C-alpha atoms as a PDB file:
ATOM      1  CA  MET A   1       0.000   0.000   0.000  1.00  0.00           C
ATOM      2  CA  PRO A   2       1.364   3.467  -0.844  1.00  0.00           C
ATOM      3  CA  GLU A   3       2.676   5.526   2.039  1.00  0.00           C
ATOM      4  CA  ARG A   4      -0.174   7.486   3.584  1.00  0.00           C
ATOM      5  CA  THR A   5       0.117  11.215   3.173  1.00  0.00           C
ATOM      6  CA  ARG A   6      -1.754  14.124   4.698  1.00  0.00           C
ATOM      7  CA  PRO A   7      -5.417  13.842   3.636  1.00  0.00           C
ATOM      8  CA  GLY A   8      -6.265  16.348   0.932  1.00  0.00           C
ATOM      9  CA  LEU A   9      -9.250  18.558   0.154  1.00  0.00           C
ATOM     10  CA  THR A  10     -10.831  18.885  -3.272  1.00  0.00           C
ATOM     11  CA  LEU A  11     -13.247  21.608  -4.311  1.00  0.00           C
ATOM     12  CA  GLY A  12     -15.799  20.148  -6.706  1.00  0.00           C
ATOM     13  CA  PRO A  13     -17.256  21.965  -9.716  1.00  0.00           C
ATOM     14  CA  VAL A  14     -19.915  24.614  -9.173  1.00  0.00           C
ATOM     15  CA  TYR A  15     -23.146  22.806 -10.027  1.00  0.00           C
ATOM     16  CA  TYR A  16     -25.313  25.943  -9.937  1.00  0.00           C
ATOM     17  CA  LEU A  17     -25.670  28.772 -12.449  1.00  0.00           C
ATOM     18  CA  TRP A  18     -23.876  31.775 -10.991  1.00  0.00           C
ATOM     19  CA  ASP A  19     -23.358  34.939 -13.008  1.00  0.00           C
ATOM     20  CA  ALA A  20     -19.940  35.200 -14.636  1.00  0.00           C
ATOM     21  CA  ALA A  21     -18.429  37.712 -12.215  1.00  0.00           C
ATOM     22  CA  LYS A  22     -19.568  35.768  -9.164  1.00  0.00           C
ATOM     23  CA  TRP A  23     -18.159  32.515 -10.580  1.00  0.00           C
ATOM     24  CA  ARG A  24     -14.834  34.197 -11.388  1.00  0.00           C
ATOM     25  CA  ASP A  25     -14.489  35.976  -8.050  1.00  0.00           C
ATOM     26  CA  PHE A  26     -15.456  32.823  -6.164  1.00  0.00           C
ATOM     27  CA  HIS A  27     -12.556  30.922  -7.711  1.00  0.00           C
ATOM     28  CA  PHE A  28     -10.166  33.849  -7.263  1.00  0.00           C
ATOM     29  CA  ARG A  29     -10.883  33.765  -3.534  1.00  0.00           C
ATOM     30  CA  ILE A  30     -10.512  29.979  -3.453  1.00  0.00           C
ATOM     31  CA  ALA A  31      -7.114  30.389  -5.096  1.00  0.00           C
ATOM     32  CA  ASP A  32      -5.955  33.014  -2.621  1.00  0.00           C
ATOM     33  CA  GLU A  33      -7.432  31.765   0.643  1.00  0.00           C
ATOM     34  CA  ALA A  34      -8.860  28.223   0.653  1.00  0.00           C
ATOM     35  CA  PRO A  35      -6.758  25.302   1.997  1.00  0.00           C
ATOM     36  CA  VAL A  36      -7.660  22.961  -0.858  1.00  0.00           C
ATOM     37  CA  GLU A  37      -5.195  21.129  -3.089  1.00  0.00           C
ATOM     38  CA  ARG A  38      -7.385  20.363  -6.117  1.00  0.00           C
ATOM     39  CA  VAL A  39     -10.109  22.428  -7.806  1.00  0.00           C
ATOM     40  CA  LEU A  40     -12.524  21.206 -10.475  1.00  0.00           C
ATOM     41  CA  ILE A  41     -13.855  23.777 -12.897  1.00  0.00           C
ATOM     42  CA  GLY A  42     -16.076  23.683 -15.953  1.00  0.00           C
ATOM     43  CA  GLU A  43     -19.777  23.278 -16.650  1.00  0.00           C
ATOM     44  CA  THR A  44     -21.037  19.943 -15.391  1.00  0.00           C
ATOM     45  CA  VAL A  45     -24.838  20.183 -15.385  1.00  0.00           C
ATOM     46  CA  CYS A  46     -26.080  21.955 -18.538  1.00  0.00           C
ATOM     47  CA  SER A  47     -24.115  22.816 -21.664  1.00  0.00           C
ATOM     48  CA  LYS A  48     -26.334  25.855 -22.261  1.00  0.00           C
ATOM     49  CA  ARG A  49     -24.619  27.514 -19.298  1.00  0.00           C
ATOM     50  CA  GLN A  50     -21.121  27.128 -20.732  1.00  0.00           C
ATOM     51  CA  HIS A  51     -20.928  30.609 -22.263  1.00  0.00           C
ATOM     52  CA  PHE A  52     -21.323  32.231 -18.830  1.00  0.00           C
ATOM     53  CA  ILE A  53     -17.935  30.995 -17.623  1.00  0.00           C
ATOM     54  CA  GLU A  54     -15.938  30.691 -20.852  1.00  0.00           C
ATOM     55  CA  PRO A  55     -14.711  34.331 -20.842  1.00  0.00           C
ATOM     56  CA  HIS A  56     -13.104  33.793 -17.444  1.00  0.00           C
ATOM     57  CA  LEU A  57     -11.777  30.234 -17.717  1.00  0.00           C
ATOM     58  CA  ALA A  58      -8.218  31.135 -18.649  1.00  0.00           C
ATOM     59  CA  GLU A  59      -7.753  33.714 -15.904  1.00  0.00           C
ATOM     60  CA  VAL A  60      -9.330  31.447 -13.297  1.00  0.00           C
ATOM     61  CA  VAL A  61      -7.026  28.571 -14.237  1.00  0.00           C
ATOM     62  CA  GLU A  62      -4.018  30.880 -14.155  1.00  0.00           C
ATOM     63  CA  ARG A  63      -4.949  32.248 -10.723  1.00  0.00           C
ATOM     64  CA  LEU A  64      -5.564  28.791  -9.258  1.00  0.00           C
ATOM     65  CA  GLU A  65      -2.339  27.315 -10.605  1.00  0.00           C
ATOM     66  CA  ALA A  66      -0.320  30.329  -9.482  1.00  0.00           C
ATOM     67  CA  ALA A  67      -1.601  29.574  -5.992  1.00  0.00           C
ATOM     68  CA  GLY A  68      -0.382  25.988  -6.237  1.00  0.00           C
ATOM     69  CA  LYS A  69      -3.758  24.337  -6.813  1.00  0.00           C
ATOM     70  CA  GLU A  70      -4.153  21.398  -9.169  1.00  0.00           C
ATOM     71  CA  VAL A  71      -6.831  22.225 -11.756  1.00  0.00           C
ATOM     72  CA  VAL A  72      -9.028  19.466 -13.185  1.00  0.00           C
ATOM     73  CA  PHE A  73     -11.622  20.132 -15.879  1.00  0.00           C
ATOM     74  CA  SER A  74     -15.057  18.639 -15.280  1.00  0.00           C
ATOM     75  CA  THR A  75     -16.992  17.182 -18.212  1.00  0.00           C
ATOM     76  CA  LEU A  76     -20.763  17.179 -18.687  1.00  0.00           C
ATOM     77  CA  SER A  77     -22.771  14.735 -16.618  1.00  0.00           C
ATOM     78  CA  LEU A  78     -25.353  14.057 -19.337  1.00  0.00           C
ATOM     79  CA  VAL A  79     -24.467  14.099 -23.032  1.00  0.00           C
ATOM     80  CA  THR A  80     -27.493  14.279 -25.355  1.00  0.00           C
ATOM     81  CA  LEU A  81     -26.301  16.371 -28.311  1.00  0.00           C
ATOM     82  CA  ALA A  82     -23.635  15.903 -30.964  1.00  0.00           C
ATOM     83  CA  ARG A  83     -21.974  19.191 -30.033  1.00  0.00           C
ATOM     84  CA  GLU A  84     -21.705  18.053 -26.420  1.00  0.00           C
ATOM     85  CA  SER A  85     -20.045  14.812 -27.445  1.00  0.00           C
ATOM     86  CA  LYS A  86     -17.698  16.755 -29.726  1.00  0.00           C
ATOM     87  CA  GLN A  87     -16.767  19.083 -26.874  1.00  0.00           C
ATOM     88  CA  ILE A  88     -15.682  16.198 -24.658  1.00  0.00           C
ATOM     89  CA  ARG A  89     -13.685  14.589 -27.462  1.00  0.00           C
ATOM     90  CA  GLU A  90     -11.903  17.876 -28.109  1.00  0.00           C
ATOM     91  CA  MET A  91     -11.175  18.351 -24.413  1.00  0.00           C
ATOM     92  CA  ALA A  92      -9.665  14.880 -24.227  1.00  0.00           C
ATOM     93  CA  ALA A  93      -7.549  15.445 -27.335  1.00  0.00           C
ATOM     94  CA  GLU A  94      -6.382  19.000 -26.707  1.00  0.00           C
ATOM     95  CA  SER A  95      -6.384  19.753 -22.978  1.00  0.00           C
ATOM     96  CA  ASP A  96      -3.146  19.626 -21.002  1.00  0.00           C
ATOM     97  CA  HIS A  97      -5.161  19.306 -17.806  1.00  0.00           C
ATOM     98  CA  MET A  98      -6.585  16.192 -16.251  1.00  0.00           C
ATOM     99  CA  LEU A  99     -10.292  15.716 -16.927  1.00  0.00           C
ATOM    100  CA  GLU A 100     -13.011  14.311 -14.710  1.00  0.00           C
ATOM    101  CA  GLY A 101     -15.526  11.881 -16.163  1.00  0.00           C
ATOM    102  CA  ASN A 102     -19.118  12.398 -15.084  1.00  0.00           C
ATOM    103  CA  ASP A 103     -20.805   9.746 -17.205  1.00  0.00           C
ATOM    104  CA  LEU A 104     -19.919   6.594 -19.115  1.00  0.00           C
ATOM    105  CA  SER A 105     -19.793   8.295 -22.510  1.00  0.00           C
ATOM    106  CA  ALA A 106     -16.951  10.467 -21.253  1.00  0.00           C
ATOM    107  CA  LEU A 107     -15.104   7.425 -19.911  1.00  0.00           C
ATOM    108  CA  ALA A 108     -15.085   5.897 -23.384  1.00  0.00           C
ATOM    109  CA  VAL A 109     -13.270   8.989 -24.660  1.00  0.00           C
ATOM    110  CA  LEU A 110     -10.922   9.232 -21.670  1.00  0.00           C
ATOM    111  CA  LYS A 111      -9.793   5.594 -21.831  1.00  0.00           C
ATOM    112  CA  ASP A 112      -6.043   5.249 -21.229  1.00  0.00           C
ATOM    113  CA  LYS A 113      -5.699   9.001 -20.569  1.00  0.00           C
ATOM    114  CA  PRO A 114      -5.150   9.902 -16.881  1.00  0.00           C
ATOM    115  CA  HIS A 115      -8.430  11.183 -15.458  1.00  0.00           C
ATOM    116  CA  THR A 116     -10.583  11.289 -12.343  1.00  0.00           C
ATOM    117  CA  ILE A 117     -14.005   9.788 -11.670  1.00  0.00           C
ATOM    118  CA  SER A 118     -16.792  11.936 -10.238  1.00  0.00           C
ATOM    119  CA  PRO A 119     -19.352  10.941  -7.597  1.00  0.00           C
ATOM    120  CA  LEU A 120     -21.986  10.945 -10.357  1.00  0.00           C
ATOM    121  CA  ILE A 121     -20.647   7.633 -11.681  1.00  0.00           C
ATOM    122  CA  ASN A 122     -21.848   4.594  -9.737  1.00  0.00           C
ATOM    123  CA  VAL A 123     -18.791   2.901  -8.238  1.00  0.00           C
ATOM    124  CA  TYR A 124     -20.394   0.508  -5.774  1.00  0.00           C
ATOM    125  CA  ASN A 125     -17.768  -2.234  -5.466  1.00  0.00           C
ATOM    126  CA  ALA A 126     -14.063  -2.973  -5.710  1.00  0.00           C
ATOM    127  CA  PRO A 127     -14.141  -4.749  -9.119  1.00  0.00           C
ATOM    128  CA  THR A 128     -15.688  -1.641 -10.696  1.00  0.00           C
ATOM    129  CA  ALA A 129     -13.035   0.563  -9.111  1.00  0.00           C
ATOM    130  CA  ARG A 130     -10.245  -1.688 -10.346  1.00  0.00           C
ATOM    131  CA  LEU A 131     -11.679  -1.728 -13.869  1.00  0.00           C
ATOM    132  CA  LEU A 132     -11.846   2.062 -13.966  1.00  0.00           C
ATOM    133  CA  ALA A 133      -8.293   2.332 -12.613  1.00  0.00           C
ATOM    134  CA  SER A 134      -7.066  -0.065 -15.314  1.00  0.00           C
ATOM    135  CA  ARG A 135      -8.524   2.326 -17.914  1.00  0.00           C
ATOM    136  CA  GLY A 136      -6.671   5.367 -16.577  1.00  0.00           C
ATOM    137  CA  ALA A 137      -8.614   6.616 -13.530  1.00  0.00           C
ATOM    138  CA  LYS A 138      -6.214   8.126 -10.988  1.00  0.00           C
ATOM    139  CA  THR A 139      -8.721   9.257  -8.379  1.00  0.00           C
ATOM    140  CA  ILE A 140     -12.253   7.970  -7.772  1.00  0.00           C
ATOM    141  CA  CYS A 141     -14.728  10.070  -5.807  1.00  0.00           C
ATOM    142  CA  LEU A 142     -17.191   7.547  -4.430  1.00  0.00           C
ATOM    143  CA  PRO A 143     -20.954   8.263  -4.662  1.00  0.00           C
ATOM    144  CA  PRO A 144     -22.377  10.050  -1.607  1.00  0.00           C
ATOM    145  CA  GLU A 145     -25.047   7.382  -1.068  1.00  0.00           C
ATOM    146  CA  LEU A 146     -22.524   4.681  -0.137  1.00  0.00           C
ATOM    147  CA  PRO A 147     -22.550   3.628   3.545  1.00  0.00           C
ATOM    148  CA  PHE A 148     -19.264   3.556   5.417  1.00  0.00           C
ATOM    149  CA  ALA A 149     -19.111  -0.243   5.386  1.00  0.00           C
ATOM    150  CA  SER A 150     -19.083  -0.214   1.579  1.00  0.00           C
ATOM    151  CA  VAL A 151     -16.549   2.620   1.399  1.00  0.00           C
ATOM    152  CA  GLN A 152     -14.281   0.752   3.794  1.00  0.00           C
ATOM    153  CA  GLU A 153     -14.539  -2.511   1.866  1.00  0.00           C
ATOM    154  CA  ILE A 154     -13.817  -0.870  -1.489  1.00  0.00           C
ATOM    155  CA  ALA A 155     -10.800   1.006  -0.113  1.00  0.00           C
ATOM    156  CA  GLU A 156      -9.411  -2.098   1.613  1.00  0.00           C
ATOM    157  CA  ASN A 157      -9.659  -4.148  -1.575  1.00  0.00           C
ATOM    158  CA  CYS A 158      -8.115  -1.449  -3.793  1.00  0.00           C
ATOM    159  CA  PRO A 159      -5.154  -0.097  -1.790  1.00  0.00           C
ATOM    160  CA  ASP A 160      -3.397   1.277  -4.882  1.00  0.00           C
ATOM    161  CA  ILE A 161      -6.273   3.569  -5.884  1.00  0.00           C
ATOM    162  CA  ASP A 162      -6.733   7.085  -4.532  1.00  0.00           C
ATOM    163  CA  PHE A 163     -10.288   7.324  -3.230  1.00  0.00           C
ATOM    164  CA  GLU A 164     -12.154  10.497  -2.436  1.00  0.00           C
ATOM    165  CA  VAL A 165     -15.409  10.931  -0.496  1.00  0.00           C
ATOM    166  CA  PHE A 166     -18.136  13.543  -0.986  1.00  0.00           C
ATOM    167  CA  ALA A 167     -17.848  15.251   2.395  1.00  0.00           C
ATOM    168  CA  PHE A 168     -19.809  18.506   2.057  1.00  0.00           C
ATOM    169  CA  GLY A 169     -22.662  19.823  -0.045  1.00  0.00           C
ATOM    170  CA  ARG A 170     -26.139  19.097  -1.297  1.00  0.00           C
ATOM    171  CA  MET A 171     -25.865  15.594  -2.718  1.00  0.00           C
ATOM    172  CA  PRO A 172     -26.288  15.055  -6.474  1.00  0.00           C
ATOM    173  CA  LEU A 173     -29.162  12.589  -6.891  1.00  0.00           C
ATOM    174  CA  ALA A 174     -30.318  12.594 -10.517  1.00  0.00           C
ATOM    175  CA  ILE A 175     -30.039  14.353 -13.847  1.00  0.00           C
ATOM    176  CA  SER A 176     -32.577  14.480 -16.668  1.00  0.00           C
ATOM    177  CA  ALA A 177     -32.731  15.479 -20.317  1.00  0.00           C
ATOM    178  CA  ARG A 178     -35.743  17.625 -19.362  1.00  0.00           C
ATOM    179  CA  CYS A 179     -35.540  20.669 -17.108  1.00  0.00           C
ATOM    180  CA  ALA A 180     -37.933  20.573 -14.179  1.00  0.00           C
ATOM    181  CA  HIS A 181     -36.494  23.863 -12.937  1.00  0.00           C
ATOM    182  CA  ALA A 182     -37.614  25.646 -16.113  1.00  0.00           C
ATOM    183  CA  ARG A 183     -40.967  23.879 -16.130  1.00  0.00           C
ATOM    184  CA  SER A 184     -41.671  24.998 -12.563  1.00  0.00           C
ATOM    185  CA  LYS A 185     -41.538  28.561 -13.902  1.00  0.00           C
ATOM    186  CA  GLY A 186     -43.710  27.942 -16.941  1.00  0.00           C
ATOM    187  CA  ARG A 187     -40.883  27.457 -19.430  1.00  0.00           C
ATOM    188  CA  ILE A 188     -39.283  24.634 -21.364  1.00  0.00           C
ATOM    189  CA  LYS A 189     -35.628  23.688 -21.630  1.00  0.00           C
ATOM    190  CA  ASP A 190     -35.167  25.152 -25.126  1.00  0.00           C
ATOM    191  CA  ASN A 191     -36.602  28.512 -24.035  1.00  0.00           C
ATOM    192  CA  CYS A 192     -35.593  28.529 -20.379  1.00  0.00           C
ATOM    193  CA  LEU A 193     -34.103  32.061 -20.266  1.00  0.00           C
ATOM    194  CA  PHE A 194     -31.693  30.590 -17.685  1.00  0.00           C
ATOM    195  CA  VAL A 195     -34.250  30.843 -14.874  1.00  0.00           C
ATOM    196  CA  CYS A 196     -32.080  28.472 -12.816  1.00  0.00           C
ATOM    197  CA  GLY A 197     -29.791  31.454 -12.240  1.00  0.00           C
ATOM    198  CA  GLU A 198     -32.496  32.987 -10.056  1.00  0.00           C
ATOM    199  CA  GLU A 199     -31.700  30.415  -7.358  1.00  0.00           C
ATOM    200  CA  PRO A 200     -27.902  30.325  -6.827  1.00  0.00           C
ATOM    201  CA  ASP A 201     -28.324  27.522  -4.300  1.00  0.00           C
ATOM    202  CA  GLY A 202     -31.086  25.624  -6.100  1.00  0.00           C
ATOM    203  CA  LEU A 203     -34.891  25.747  -6.050  1.00  0.00           C
ATOM    204  CA  PRO A 204     -36.394  24.036  -2.969  1.00  0.00           C
ATOM    205  CA  VAL A 205     -39.080  21.413  -3.574  1.00  0.00           C
ATOM    206  CA  LYS A 206     -41.677  20.608  -0.906  1.00  0.00           C
ATOM    207  CA  THR A 207     -44.061  17.700  -0.563  1.00  0.00           C
ATOM    208  CA  LEU A 208     -47.835  18.201  -0.646  1.00  0.00           C
ATOM    209  CA  ASP A 209     -47.809  18.547   3.138  1.00  0.00           C
ATOM    210  CA  ARG A 210     -45.143  21.293   2.856  1.00  0.00           C
ATOM    211  CA  GLN A 211     -42.152  19.300   4.055  1.00  0.00           C
ATOM    212  CA  SER A 212     -38.778  20.115   2.487  1.00  0.00           C
ATOM    213  CA  PHE A 213     -37.864  17.300   0.122  1.00  0.00           C
ATOM    214  CA  LEU A 214     -35.443  17.946  -2.754  1.00  0.00           C
ATOM    215  CA  THR A 215     -33.789  20.826  -4.587  1.00  0.00           C
ATOM    216  CA  LEU A 216     -33.881  21.525  -8.326  1.00  0.00           C
ATOM    217  CA  ASN A 217     -30.840  22.838 -10.165  1.00  0.00           C
ATOM    218  CA  GLY A 218     -31.727  23.093 -13.816  1.00  0.00           C
ATOM    219  CA  VAL A 219     -31.806  19.551 -15.192  1.00  0.00           C
ATOM    220  CA  GLN A 220     -30.194  18.253 -12.010  1.00  0.00           C
ATOM    221  CA  THR A 221     -31.866  17.166  -8.771  1.00  0.00           C
ATOM    222  CA  VAL A 222     -29.898  17.491  -5.557  1.00  0.00           C
ATOM    223  CA  SER A 223     -30.807  16.814  -1.953  1.00  0.00           C
ATOM    224  CA  HIS A 224     -32.480  19.348   0.303  1.00  0.00           C
ATOM    225  CA  ALA A 225     -30.137  18.439   3.140  1.00  0.00           C
ATOM    226  CA  CYS A 226     -26.434  19.180   2.996  1.00  0.00           C
ATOM    227  CA  GLN A 227     -24.126  16.237   3.558  1.00  0.00           C
ATOM    228  CA  SER A 228     -21.465  16.859   6.188  1.00  0.00           C
ATOM    229  CA  LEU A 229     -18.987  14.191   7.258  1.00  0.00           C
ATOM    230  CA  LEU A 230     -16.980  16.307   9.692  1.00  0.00           C
ATOM    231  CA  GLY A 231     -17.666  13.846  12.504  1.00  0.00           C
ATOM    232  CA  GLU A 232     -16.690  10.880  10.343  1.00  0.00           C
ATOM    233  CA  LEU A 233     -13.387  12.130   8.900  1.00  0.00           C
ATOM    234  CA  ASP A 234     -11.164  10.191  11.324  1.00  0.00           C
ATOM    235  CA  ASP A 235     -12.823   6.877  10.488  1.00  0.00           C
ATOM    236  CA  LEU A 236     -12.628   7.575   6.765  1.00  0.00           C
ATOM    237  CA  VAL A 237      -8.938   8.474   6.919  1.00  0.00           C
ATOM    238  CA  ALA A 238      -8.277   5.287   8.896  1.00  0.00           C
ATOM    239  CA  ALA A 239     -10.128   3.347   6.189  1.00  0.00           C
ATOM    240  CA  GLY A 240      -7.729   4.668   3.553  1.00  0.00           C
ATOM    241  CA  ILE A 241      -9.618   7.631   2.061  1.00  0.00           C
ATOM    242  CA  ARG A 242      -7.024  10.108   0.840  1.00  0.00           C
ATOM    243  CA  SER A 243      -9.062  13.171  -0.062  1.00  0.00           C
ATOM    244  CA  PHE A 244     -12.411  14.755   0.699  1.00  0.00           C
ATOM    245  CA  ARG A 245     -14.627  16.654  -1.729  1.00  0.00           C
ATOM    246  CA  LEU A 246     -16.357  19.905  -0.842  1.00  0.00           C
ATOM    247  CA  SER A 247     -19.166  20.740  -3.264  1.00  0.00           C
ATOM    248  CA  PRO A 248     -19.668  24.520  -3.637  1.00  0.00           C
ATOM    249  CA  GLN A 249     -22.797  25.985  -2.122  1.00  0.00           C
ATOM    250  CA  ASP A 250     -23.845  29.620  -1.995  1.00  0.00           C
ATOM    251  CA  CYS A 251     -21.965  30.320   1.206  1.00  0.00           C
ATOM    252  CA  ASN A 252     -18.450  31.105   2.450  1.00  0.00           C
ATOM    253  CA  MET A 253     -16.654  28.081   1.027  1.00  0.00           C
ATOM    254  CA  VAL A 254     -13.273  29.341   2.203  1.00  0.00           C
ATOM    255  CA  GLU A 255     -14.453  29.029   5.799  1.00  0.00           C
ATOM    256  CA  VAL A 256     -15.993  25.628   5.053  1.00  0.00           C
ATOM    257  CA  ALA A 257     -12.624  24.429   3.749  1.00  0.00           C
ATOM    258  CA  ARG A 258     -10.847  25.835   6.796  1.00  0.00           C
ATOM    259  CA  LEU A 259     -13.148  23.894   9.128  1.00  0.00           C
ATOM    260  CA  TYR A 260     -12.506  20.622   7.299  1.00  0.00           C
ATOM    261  CA  ARG A 261      -8.772  21.295   7.210  1.00  0.00           C
ATOM    262  CA  ALA A 262      -8.749  22.037  10.942  1.00  0.00           C
ATOM    263  CA  VAL A 263     -10.520  18.776  11.783  1.00  0.00           C
ATOM    264  CA  LEU A 264      -8.272  16.743   9.469  1.00  0.00           C
ATOM    265  CA  ASP A 265      -5.201  18.345  11.044  1.00  0.00           C
ATOM    266  CA  GLY A 266      -6.474  17.641  14.548  1.00  0.00           C
ATOM    267  CA  VAL A 267      -6.500  21.285  15.647  1.00  0.00           C
ATOM    268  CA  MET A 268     -10.304  21.458  16.044  1.00  0.00           C
ATOM    269  CA  GLY A 269     -12.809  18.962  17.347  1.00  0.00           C
ATOM    270  CA  ALA A 270     -15.595  17.739  15.094  1.00  0.00           C
ATOM    271  CA  ASP A 271     -18.372  19.031  17.348  1.00  0.00           C
ATOM    272  CA  GLU A 272     -16.957  22.559  17.313  1.00  0.00           C
ATOM    273  CA  ALA A 273     -16.541  22.398  13.543  1.00  0.00           C
ATOM    274  CA  ILE A 274     -20.108  21.159  13.024  1.00  0.00           C
ATOM    275  CA  ALA A 275     -21.442  24.068  15.076  1.00  0.00           C
ATOM    276  CA  GLY A 276     -19.372  26.439  12.964  1.00  0.00           C
ATOM    277  CA  LEU A 277     -20.588  24.848   9.743  1.00  0.00           C
ATOM    278  CA  GLN A 278     -24.219  25.324  10.736  1.00  0.00           C
ATOM    279  CA  LYS A 279     -23.553  29.051  11.135  1.00  0.00           C
ATOM    280  CA  ILE A 280     -21.707  29.315   7.809  1.00  0.00           C
ATOM    281  CA  TYR A 281     -24.404  27.443   5.902  1.00  0.00           C
ATOM    282  CA  PRO A 282     -27.797  27.765   7.626  1.00  0.00           C
ATOM    283  CA  ALA A 283     -29.745  27.374   4.357  1.00  0.00           C
ATOM    284  CA  ALA A 284     -30.080  23.588   4.695  1.00  0.00           C
ATOM    285  CA  PRO A 285     -30.005  21.051   7.535  1.00  0.00           C
ATOM    286  CA  LEU A 286     -26.875  18.955   7.802  1.00  0.00           C
ATOM    287  CA  SER A 287     -27.128  15.239   7.087  1.00  0.00           C
ATOM    288  CA  ASN A 288     -24.926  12.139   7.230  1.00  0.00           C
ATOM    289  CA  GLY A 289     -27.563   9.431   6.942  1.00  0.00           C
ATOM    290  CA  PHE A 290     -26.171   7.637   3.915  1.00  0.00           C
ATOM    291  CA  HIS A 291     -22.822   7.195   5.654  1.00  0.00           C
ATOM    292  CA  HIS A 292     -24.580   5.423   8.521  1.00  0.00           C
ATOM    293  CA  ALA A 293     -26.771   3.252   6.247  1.00  0.00           C
ATOM    294  CA  ARG A 294     -29.812   5.408   6.987  1.00  0.00           C
ATOM    295  CA  GLU A 295     -31.987   7.618   4.802  1.00  0.00           C
ATOM    296  CA  GLY A 296     -29.822  10.321   3.268  1.00  0.00           C
ATOM    297  CA  ALA A 297     -31.562  13.236   4.967  1.00  0.00           C
ATOM    298  CA  ALA A 298     -30.988  11.830   8.456  1.00  0.00           C
ATOM    299  CA  TRP A 299     -28.534  13.298  10.938  1.00  0.00           C
ATOM    300  CA  VAL A 300     -26.822  10.744  13.174  1.00  0.00           C
ATOM    301  CA  ALA A 301     -25.448  12.631  16.167  1.00  0.00           C
ATOM    302  CA  ARG A 302     -21.816  12.096  17.024  1.00  0.00           C
ATOM    303  CA  ALA A 303     -22.627  11.238  20.652  1.00  0.00           C
ATOM    304  CA  ARG A 304     -24.905   8.454  19.477  1.00  0.00           C
ATOM    305  CA  ASN A 305     -22.077   7.058  17.354  1.00  0.00           C
ATOM    306  CA  LEU A 306     -19.779   6.865  20.342  1.00  0.00           C
ATOM    307  CA  GLN A 307     -22.401   5.115  22.436  1.00  0.00           C
ATOM    308  CA  ALA A 308     -23.077   2.598  19.686  1.00  0.00           C
ATOM    309  CA  SER A 309     -19.410   1.743  19.390  1.00  0.00           C
END
């Protein structure tokens, strides 16, 4: 097994539609202040949004790399058009940066080229992980719905693969060729007028009895609750997880990264960090249910964990 190094932090791609200046300035601040080693950039959810960030891509990459961050380009998570397929092929052929695959069509193009695997691809067992690694995958971010027992088993059976865990953010659950976000506002995908930009943290969905349920983000559905594994980091590191992914939300992500770094470095307790996280991101309840083989929206208190063990 490779020598264990200091656990790293990865900032995932921005799933939401932010205006160009906000997207640029967000990454500038990440470059200058956030204790993360790897940053994923690029449109992941809807190719129609691509033109918002394209004018700033070069300067964002330059700023991040000047700050010592590794930049990885994220590919689309659902390819339905010829131009989208062409874009991924061109990225694979021309980019000097590592790419992240978000669906199986991208993996066919990335075969034998070093790349990473996103949490949107279902890696539920060790044989799948080994197959992906044999085709060029260098890092695999496991899906957020996996319980710890499965994460532990996969990592133990694949000691030569760098595994990452989705440790913060609203969890990606589904993606569709149709846009429920646009439809909720009386529009269709082809004439959406980018209404998803009106909710920079997603559009909340409630059940008929007014309980918070899911969140819409264009063609993507994410959880209402925000996954936080601050209290589980020690166990995950012991199981062999080498990096932790923070998925950008509309909050102070620099402070979120600092909390995770402090817990990983042992300079802050998990309970103190969780309390701080709730203040930084009060928009959604924290959850860790999937990790504990419960429903994803559940919160399993740290004290209860200790008693159970």
